[in-house]
Amino acid sequence: MIILPAIDLRHGKCVNLIQGHADEETIFSDYPVDVAKQWEQQGAEYLHLVDLDGAFQEPSQNLKIVKEIIDSISIPTQLGGGIRDIHQLNQVFEVGVSRAIIGTAALKNPDFLSFSGQEYGDQIAVGVDAEDGMVATEGWLDVSEKPALDFAVEIEKSGIKTIVYTDIKSDGMLKGPNLEATRTIINAVEIDVIASGGITFPDNITALRDIGASGAIIGRALYTGALSLSYVISAAIP
């Protein structure tokens, strides 16, 4: 299981939101590029980047910062947030992102999802962000009537090879992930499932590893010091 430190970008800064609420923001650094270098130096093999401005459909200059991050490190990155059409998808790959995460557009535009998978293959992941088992969209501002489990199965059928599953009510709460919901998604599909949301304690890592998660995205717990990156990387190894 691979560990992906998260760098959430809002207004050019490295931040963290509680359950995705924009008014519950903690700024961890004014210099996201330095944060990326720090995670690489501490052993990260992959970074998870989020353009929160894009996710909230606000004007975003974060792609410039994403490019600066990519140019400053040697490990791969994945980026989600606001990728809703082929033009935006192409822009993401032009700056050097290794894998793009499609969220809202994957649910609302199945043709775009299918095209993306056929055109870019393993470079595409789909974000399944769930609240009480239902898929949330538009930066988690809207909750659809689509069950996350059904959506995950549809994603696999489309040919996509990776799902990023986030339990919204766990995100940023520092209380541990929703293992039951995550296990349900993992057991429903044969493709990779990267878990996100609430990972806080050492045994969260081994629990996610043991239920078959291919990766774990960790944000707030790393920034607060609740978890050390070197420890969670070692704990992720069987």
C-alpha atoms as a PDB file:
ATOM      1  CA  MET A   1       0.000   0.000   0.000  1.00  0.00           C
ATOM      2  CA  ILE A   2       1.364   3.389  -0.990  1.00  0.00           C
ATOM      3  CA  ILE A   3       1.128   6.472   1.229  1.00  0.00           C
ATOM      4  CA  LEU A   4       0.252   9.776  -0.440  1.00  0.00           C
ATOM      5  CA  PRO A   5       0.714  12.961   1.610  1.00  0.00           C
ATOM      6  CA  ALA A   6      -1.950  15.498   0.659  1.00  0.00           C
ATOM      7  CA  ILE A   7      -1.345  19.087  -0.346  1.00  0.00           C
ATOM      8  CA  ASP A   8      -4.656  20.933  -0.595  1.00  0.00           C
ATOM      9  CA  LEU A   9      -4.293  24.241  -2.418  1.00  0.00           C
ATOM     10  CA  ARG A  10      -6.563  27.211  -1.773  1.00  0.00           C
ATOM     11  CA  HIS A  11      -5.725  30.773  -2.793  1.00  0.00           C
ATOM     12  CA  GLY A  12      -2.154  29.610  -3.380  1.00  0.00           C
ATOM     13  CA  LYS A  13      -1.634  28.234   0.118  1.00  0.00           C
ATOM     14  CA  CYS A  14      -1.413  24.764   1.637  1.00  0.00           C
ATOM     15  CA  VAL A  15      -4.591  24.327   3.692  1.00  0.00           C
ATOM     16  CA  ASN A  16      -6.906  21.772   5.235  1.00  0.00           C
ATOM     17  CA  LEU A  17     -10.687  21.896   5.460  1.00  0.00           C
ATOM     18  CA  ILE A  18     -12.894  20.047   7.931  1.00  0.00           C
ATOM     19  CA  GLN A  19     -15.398  17.897   6.023  1.00  0.00           C
ATOM     20  CA  GLY A  20     -14.754  20.078   2.981  1.00  0.00           C
ATOM     21  CA  HIS A  21     -16.252  23.236   4.510  1.00  0.00           C
ATOM     22  CA  ALA A  22     -14.561  26.345   3.111  1.00  0.00           C
ATOM     23  CA  ASP A  23     -15.285  28.313   6.273  1.00  0.00           C
ATOM     24  CA  GLU A  24     -13.427  25.746   8.404  1.00  0.00           C
ATOM     25  CA  GLU A  25      -9.993  26.237   6.940  1.00  0.00           C
ATOM     26  CA  THR A  26      -6.594  25.815   8.550  1.00  0.00           C
ATOM     27  CA  ILE A  27      -3.614  27.275   6.694  1.00  0.00           C
ATOM     28  CA  PHE A  28      -0.578  25.061   7.210  1.00  0.00           C
ATOM     29  CA  SER A  29       1.857  26.842   4.903  1.00  0.00           C
ATOM     30  CA  ASP A  30       2.106  29.826   2.599  1.00  0.00           C
ATOM     31  CA  TYR A  31       4.681  27.906   0.539  1.00  0.00           C
ATOM     32  CA  PRO A  32       3.250  24.679  -0.932  1.00  0.00           C
ATOM     33  CA  VAL A  33       6.398  24.014  -2.961  1.00  0.00           C
ATOM     34  CA  ASP A  34       8.441  23.802   0.246  1.00  0.00           C
ATOM     35  CA  VAL A  35       5.851  21.422   1.706  1.00  0.00           C
ATOM     36  CA  ALA A  36       6.142  19.160  -1.339  1.00  0.00           C
ATOM     37  CA  LYS A  37       9.924  19.087  -1.020  1.00  0.00           C
ATOM     38  CA  GLN A  38       9.582  18.243   2.673  1.00  0.00           C
ATOM     39  CA  TRP A  39       7.357  15.235   1.994  1.00  0.00           C
ATOM     40  CA  GLU A  40       9.699  13.956  -0.688  1.00  0.00           C
ATOM     41  CA  GLN A  41      12.698  14.326   1.630  1.00  0.00           C
ATOM     42  CA  GLN A  42      10.835  12.340   4.280  1.00  0.00           C
ATOM     43  CA  GLY A  43      10.315   9.416   1.917  1.00  0.00           C
ATOM     44  CA  ALA A  44       7.041  10.064   0.099  1.00  0.00           C
ATOM     45  CA  GLU A  45       6.769   8.135  -3.163  1.00  0.00           C
ATOM     46  CA  TYR A  46       3.693   9.953  -4.510  1.00  0.00           C
ATOM     47  CA  LEU A  47       1.898  13.231  -3.714  1.00  0.00           C
ATOM     48  CA  HIS A  48      -1.832  13.908  -3.722  1.00  0.00           C
ATOM     49  CA  LEU A  49      -2.659  17.468  -4.781  1.00  0.00           C
ATOM     50  CA  VAL A  50      -6.086  19.118  -4.648  1.00  0.00           C
ATOM     51  CA  ASP A  51      -7.113  22.378  -6.316  1.00  0.00           C
ATOM     52  CA  LEU A  52      -9.816  23.489  -3.896  1.00  0.00           C
ATOM     53  CA  ASP A  53     -10.492  26.701  -5.798  1.00  0.00           C
ATOM     54  CA  GLY A  54     -11.206  24.638  -8.893  1.00  0.00           C
ATOM     55  CA  ALA A  55     -13.381  22.232  -6.903  1.00  0.00           C
ATOM     56  CA  PHE A  56     -15.492  25.152  -5.660  1.00  0.00           C
ATOM     57  CA  GLN A  57     -15.655  26.541  -9.222  1.00  0.00           C
ATOM     58  CA  GLU A  58     -13.800  29.677  -8.172  1.00  0.00           C
ATOM     59  CA  PRO A  59     -11.096  31.403 -10.246  1.00  0.00           C
ATOM     60  CA  SER A  60      -7.943  29.355  -9.724  1.00  0.00           C
ATOM     61  CA  GLN A  61      -4.268  30.088 -10.224  1.00  0.00           C
ATOM     62  CA  ASN A  62      -3.246  26.866  -8.527  1.00  0.00           C
ATOM     63  CA  LEU A  63      -2.067  25.106 -11.694  1.00  0.00           C
ATOM     64  CA  LYS A  64       0.905  27.463 -11.696  1.00  0.00           C
ATOM     65  CA  ILE A  65       1.788  26.258  -8.208  1.00  0.00           C
ATOM     66  CA  VAL A  66       1.188  22.644  -9.224  1.00  0.00           C
ATOM     67  CA  LYS A  67       3.739  23.086 -12.020  1.00  0.00           C
ATOM     68  CA  GLU A  68       6.225  24.634  -9.590  1.00  0.00           C
ATOM     69  CA  ILE A  69       5.746  21.656  -7.270  1.00  0.00           C
ATOM     70  CA  ILE A  70       6.253  19.146 -10.073  1.00  0.00           C
ATOM     71  CA  ASP A  71       9.361  20.951 -11.303  1.00  0.00           C
ATOM     72  CA  SER A  72      10.847  20.919  -7.797  1.00  0.00           C
ATOM     73  CA  ILE A  73      10.453  17.209  -6.996  1.00  0.00           C
ATOM     74  CA  SER A  74      11.197  13.884  -8.666  1.00  0.00           C
ATOM     75  CA  ILE A  75       8.242  11.809  -7.422  1.00  0.00           C
ATOM     76  CA  PRO A  76       4.896  11.536  -9.265  1.00  0.00           C
ATOM     77  CA  THR A  77       1.778  13.534  -8.402  1.00  0.00           C
ATOM     78  CA  GLN A  78      -1.947  13.135  -8.771  1.00  0.00           C
ATOM     79  CA  LEU A  79      -4.300  16.114  -8.918  1.00  0.00           C
ATOM     80  CA  GLY A  80      -8.010  16.499  -8.339  1.00  0.00           C
ATOM     81  CA  GLY A  81     -10.379  19.439  -8.094  1.00  0.00           C
ATOM     82  CA  GLY A  82     -12.271  21.224 -10.851  1.00  0.00           C
ATOM     83  CA  ILE A  83     -11.357  18.951 -13.786  1.00  0.00           C
ATOM     84  CA  ARG A  84     -14.665  19.010 -15.630  1.00  0.00           C
ATOM     85  CA  ASP A  85     -13.843  18.953 -19.364  1.00  0.00           C
ATOM     86  CA  ILE A  86     -11.205  17.829 -21.822  1.00  0.00           C
ATOM     87  CA  HIS A  87      -9.611  21.287 -21.968  1.00  0.00           C
ATOM     88  CA  GLN A  88      -9.006  21.324 -18.214  1.00  0.00           C
ATOM     89  CA  LEU A  89      -7.805  17.721 -18.340  1.00  0.00           C
ATOM     90  CA  ASN A  90      -5.272  18.569 -21.029  1.00  0.00           C
ATOM     91  CA  GLN A  91      -4.066  21.560 -19.007  1.00  0.00           C
ATOM     92  CA  VAL A  92      -3.426  19.294 -16.027  1.00  0.00           C
ATOM     93  CA  PHE A  93      -1.317  16.909 -18.056  1.00  0.00           C
ATOM     94  CA  GLU A  94       0.534  19.770 -19.764  1.00  0.00           C
ATOM     95  CA  VAL A  95       1.947  20.917 -16.401  1.00  0.00           C
ATOM     96  CA  GLY A  96       3.258  17.405 -15.741  1.00  0.00           C
ATOM     97  CA  VAL A  97       0.703  15.775 -13.435  1.00  0.00           C
ATOM     98  CA  SER A  98       1.106  11.986 -13.459  1.00  0.00           C
ATOM     99  CA  ARG A  99      -2.532  11.144 -12.752  1.00  0.00           C
ATOM    100  CA  ALA A 100      -5.681  13.266 -12.941  1.00  0.00           C
ATOM    101  CA  ILE A 101      -8.625  12.663 -10.624  1.00  0.00           C
ATOM    102  CA  ILE A 102     -12.060  13.331 -12.105  1.00  0.00           C
ATOM    103  CA  GLY A 103     -14.926  13.762  -9.657  1.00  0.00           C
ATOM    104  CA  THR A 104     -18.086  15.702 -10.470  1.00  0.00           C
ATOM    105  CA  ALA A 105     -17.666  15.333 -14.238  1.00  0.00           C
ATOM    106  CA  ALA A 106     -17.306  11.556 -13.954  1.00  0.00           C
ATOM    107  CA  LEU A 107     -20.781  11.340 -12.422  1.00  0.00           C
ATOM    108  CA  LYS A 108     -22.529  13.992 -14.500  1.00  0.00           C
ATOM    109  CA  ASN A 109     -20.884  13.288 -17.857  1.00  0.00           C
ATOM    110  CA  PRO A 110     -20.380   9.558 -18.481  1.00  0.00           C
ATOM    111  CA  ASP A 111     -19.155  10.275 -22.028  1.00  0.00           C
ATOM    112  CA  PHE A 112     -16.324  12.412 -20.629  1.00  0.00           C
ATOM    113  CA  LEU A 113     -15.455   9.637 -18.196  1.00  0.00           C
ATOM    114  CA  SER A 114     -15.359   7.053 -20.970  1.00  0.00           C
ATOM    115  CA  PHE A 115     -13.327   9.294 -23.275  1.00  0.00           C
ATOM    116  CA  SER A 116     -10.841  10.126 -20.527  1.00  0.00           C
ATOM    117  CA  GLY A 117     -10.286   6.487 -19.706  1.00  0.00           C
ATOM    118  CA  GLN A 118      -9.814   5.522 -23.341  1.00  0.00           C
ATOM    119  CA  GLU A 119      -7.527   8.466 -24.102  1.00  0.00           C
ATOM    120  CA  TYR A 120      -5.353   8.466 -20.982  1.00  0.00           C
ATOM    121  CA  GLY A 121      -5.763   4.992 -19.456  1.00  0.00           C
ATOM    122  CA  ASP A 122      -3.945   4.570 -16.148  1.00  0.00           C
ATOM    123  CA  GLN A 123      -3.380   8.330 -15.947  1.00  0.00           C
ATOM    124  CA  ILE A 124      -7.011   8.761 -14.893  1.00  0.00           C
ATOM    125  CA  ALA A 125      -8.551   8.075 -11.479  1.00  0.00           C
ATOM    126  CA  VAL A 126     -12.095   8.804 -10.365  1.00  0.00           C
ATOM    127  CA  GLY A 127     -12.850  10.399  -7.036  1.00  0.00           C
ATOM    128  CA  VAL A 128     -15.781   8.828  -5.222  1.00  0.00           C
ATOM    129  CA  ASP A 129     -16.606  11.253  -2.421  1.00  0.00           C
ATOM    130  CA  ALA A 130     -19.403   9.938  -0.249  1.00  0.00           C
ATOM    131  CA  GLU A 131     -21.608  11.322   2.485  1.00  0.00           C
ATOM    132  CA  ASP A 132     -23.783   8.729   4.208  1.00  0.00           C
ATOM    133  CA  GLY A 133     -23.152   6.402   1.286  1.00  0.00           C
ATOM    134  CA  MET A 134     -24.218   8.859  -1.430  1.00  0.00           C
ATOM    135  CA  VAL A 135     -21.907  10.549  -3.936  1.00  0.00           C
ATOM    136  CA  ALA A 136     -21.209  14.240  -3.324  1.00  0.00           C
ATOM    137  CA  THR A 137     -20.262  16.639  -6.131  1.00  0.00           C
ATOM    138  CA  GLU A 138     -19.287  20.276  -6.758  1.00  0.00           C
ATOM    139  CA  GLY A 139     -16.568  20.325  -4.123  1.00  0.00           C
ATOM    140  CA  TRP A 140     -18.867  18.367  -1.771  1.00  0.00           C
ATOM    141  CA  LEU A 141     -21.441  21.175  -1.822  1.00  0.00           C
ATOM    142  CA  ASP A 142     -24.133  18.936  -3.353  1.00  0.00           C
ATOM    143  CA  VAL A 143     -25.057  15.373  -2.465  1.00  0.00           C
ATOM    144  CA  SER A 144     -26.483  13.338  -5.341  1.00  0.00           C
ATOM    145  CA  GLU A 145     -28.952  10.457  -5.271  1.00  0.00           C
ATOM    146  CA  LYS A 146     -26.283   8.078  -6.590  1.00  0.00           C
ATOM    147  CA  PRO A 147     -25.083   5.432  -4.104  1.00  0.00           C
ATOM    148  CA  ALA A 148     -21.293   5.390  -3.896  1.00  0.00           C
ATOM    149  CA  LEU A 149     -21.265   1.613  -4.251  1.00  0.00           C
ATOM    150  CA  ASP A 150     -23.196   1.718  -7.537  1.00  0.00           C
ATOM    151  CA  PHE A 151     -20.942   4.485  -8.828  1.00  0.00           C
ATOM    152  CA  ALA A 152     -17.806   2.488  -8.023  1.00  0.00           C
ATOM    153  CA  VAL A 153     -19.106  -0.471 -10.021  1.00  0.00           C
ATOM    154  CA  GLU A 154     -19.925   1.809 -12.969  1.00  0.00           C
ATOM    155  CA  ILE A 155     -16.413   3.273 -12.827  1.00  0.00           C
ATOM    156  CA  GLU A 156     -14.870  -0.185 -13.048  1.00  0.00           C
ATOM    157  CA  LYS A 157     -17.079  -1.060 -16.014  1.00  0.00           C
ATOM    158  CA  SER A 158     -15.904   2.108 -17.805  1.00  0.00           C
ATOM    159  CA  GLY A 159     -12.340   0.789 -17.817  1.00  0.00           C
ATOM    160  CA  ILE A 160     -10.888   3.142 -15.190  1.00  0.00           C
ATOM    161  CA  LYS A 161      -8.273   1.377 -13.039  1.00  0.00           C
ATOM    162  CA  THR A 162      -8.178   3.555  -9.898  1.00  0.00           C
ATOM    163  CA  ILE A 163     -10.751   4.948  -7.481  1.00  0.00           C
ATOM    164  CA  VAL A 164      -9.966   7.523  -4.797  1.00  0.00           C
ATOM    165  CA  TYR A 165     -12.574   6.927  -2.106  1.00  0.00           C
ATOM    166  CA  THR A 166     -13.230   9.636   0.483  1.00  0.00           C
ATOM    167  CA  ASP A 167     -15.678   9.426   3.357  1.00  0.00           C
ATOM    168  CA  ILE A 168     -16.615  13.081   3.788  1.00  0.00           C
ATOM    169  CA  LYS A 169     -17.773  12.908   7.393  1.00  0.00           C
ATOM    170  CA  SER A 170     -14.384  11.480   8.387  1.00  0.00           C
ATOM    171  CA  ASP A 171     -12.334  14.025   6.460  1.00  0.00           C
ATOM    172  CA  GLY A 172     -10.314  16.403   8.623  1.00  0.00           C
ATOM    173  CA  MET A 173     -11.902  15.110  11.837  1.00  0.00           C
ATOM    174  CA  LEU A 174      -8.837  13.222  13.150  1.00  0.00           C
ATOM    175  CA  LYS A 175     -11.036  10.378  14.371  1.00  0.00           C
ATOM    176  CA  GLY A 176     -10.030   7.627  11.966  1.00  0.00           C
ATOM    177  CA  PRO A 177     -11.387   6.510   8.585  1.00  0.00           C
ATOM    178  CA  ASN A 178     -14.738   4.879   7.928  1.00  0.00           C
ATOM    179  CA  LEU A 179     -13.355   1.363   7.539  1.00  0.00           C
ATOM    180  CA  GLU A 180     -16.725  -0.292   6.972  1.00  0.00           C
ATOM    181  CA  ALA A 181     -17.658   1.980   4.075  1.00  0.00           C
ATOM    182  CA  THR A 182     -14.170   1.741   2.594  1.00  0.00           C
ATOM    183  CA  ARG A 183     -14.186  -2.059   2.825  1.00  0.00           C
ATOM    184  CA  THR A 184     -17.551  -2.160   1.058  1.00  0.00           C
ATOM    185  CA  ILE A 185     -16.136  -0.236  -1.916  1.00  0.00           C
ATOM    186  CA  ILE A 186     -12.952  -2.320  -2.030  1.00  0.00           C
ATOM    187  CA  ASN A 187     -14.914  -5.581  -1.988  1.00  0.00           C
ATOM    188  CA  ALA A 188     -17.281  -4.406  -4.736  1.00  0.00           C
ATOM    189  CA  VAL A 189     -14.591  -3.850  -7.372  1.00  0.00           C
ATOM    190  CA  GLU A 190     -11.351  -5.428  -8.539  1.00  0.00           C
ATOM    191  CA  ILE A 191      -9.588  -2.171  -9.432  1.00  0.00           C
ATOM    192  CA  ASP A 192      -7.340  -0.173  -7.104  1.00  0.00           C
ATOM    193  CA  VAL A 193      -9.009   1.792  -4.299  1.00  0.00           C
ATOM    194  CA  ILE A 194      -7.045   4.567  -2.592  1.00  0.00           C
ATOM    195  CA  ALA A 195      -8.570   5.488   0.774  1.00  0.00           C
ATOM    196  CA  SER A 196      -8.903   9.040   2.045  1.00  0.00           C
ATOM    197  CA  GLY A 197     -10.513  10.803   4.977  1.00  0.00           C
ATOM    198  CA  GLY A 198      -9.789  10.789   8.695  1.00  0.00           C
ATOM    199  CA  ILE A 199      -6.622   8.686   8.778  1.00  0.00           C
ATOM    200  CA  THR A 200      -5.130   9.612  12.140  1.00  0.00           C
ATOM    201  CA  PHE A 201      -3.856   6.676  14.188  1.00  0.00           C
ATOM    202  CA  PRO A 202      -1.100   4.119  13.522  1.00  0.00           C
ATOM    203  CA  ASP A 203      -3.550   1.224  13.434  1.00  0.00           C
ATOM    204  CA  ASN A 204      -5.596   3.029  10.741  1.00  0.00           C
ATOM    205  CA  ILE A 205      -2.770   2.320   8.322  1.00  0.00           C
ATOM    206  CA  THR A 206      -2.536  -1.391   9.036  1.00  0.00           C
ATOM    207  CA  ALA A 207      -6.336  -1.697   9.019  1.00  0.00           C
ATOM    208  CA  LEU A 208      -6.589  -0.109   5.557  1.00  0.00           C
ATOM    209  CA  ARG A 209      -3.737  -2.266   4.321  1.00  0.00           C
ATOM    210  CA  ASP A 210      -5.418  -5.397   5.637  1.00  0.00           C
ATOM    211  CA  ILE A 211      -8.783  -4.674   3.970  1.00  0.00           C
ATOM    212  CA  GLY A 212      -7.051  -4.267   0.612  1.00  0.00           C
ATOM    213  CA  ALA A 213      -6.628  -0.530   0.044  1.00  0.00           C
ATOM    214  CA  SER A 214      -3.996   0.116  -2.622  1.00  0.00           C
ATOM    215  CA  GLY A 215      -3.115   3.485  -1.129  1.00  0.00           C
ATOM    216  CA  ALA A 216      -3.883   5.907   1.677  1.00  0.00           C
ATOM    217  CA  ILE A 217      -4.059   9.694   1.413  1.00  0.00           C
ATOM    218  CA  ILE A 218      -3.121  11.488   4.619  1.00  0.00           C
ATOM    219  CA  GLY A 219      -3.469  15.209   5.224  1.00  0.00           C
ATOM    220  CA  ARG A 220      -4.264  16.839   8.543  1.00  0.00           C
ATOM    221  CA  ALA A 221      -2.711  14.093  10.723  1.00  0.00           C
ATOM    222  CA  LEU A 222       0.677  14.634   9.063  1.00  0.00           C
ATOM    223  CA  TYR A 223       0.504  18.414   9.401  1.00  0.00           C
ATOM    224  CA  THR A 224      -0.485  18.336  13.056  1.00  0.00           C
ATOM    225  CA  GLY A 225       2.129  15.717  13.899  1.00  0.00           C
ATOM    226  CA  ALA A 226      -0.437  13.109  14.945  1.00  0.00           C
ATOM    227  CA  LEU A 227       1.304  10.788  12.470  1.00  0.00           C
ATOM    228  CA  SER A 228       4.853  10.809  11.139  1.00  0.00           C
ATOM    229  CA  LEU A 229       5.344  10.082   7.459  1.00  0.00           C
ATOM    230  CA  SER A 230       8.252   7.720   8.047  1.00  0.00           C
ATOM    231  CA  TYR A 231       6.154   5.645  10.444  1.00  0.00           C
ATOM    232  CA  VAL A 232       3.100   5.338   8.185  1.00  0.00           C
ATOM    233  CA  ILE A 233       5.269   4.387   5.203  1.00  0.00           C
ATOM    234  CA  SER A 234       6.762   1.527   7.225  1.00  0.00           C
ATOM    235  CA  ALA A 235       3.339   0.522   8.584  1.00  0.00           C
ATOM    236  CA  ALA A 236       1.970   0.263   5.057  1.00  0.00           C
ATOM    237  CA  ILE A 237       4.426  -2.503   4.189  1.00  0.00           C
ATOM    238  CA  PRO A 238       2.967  -6.017   4.752  1.00  0.00           C
END
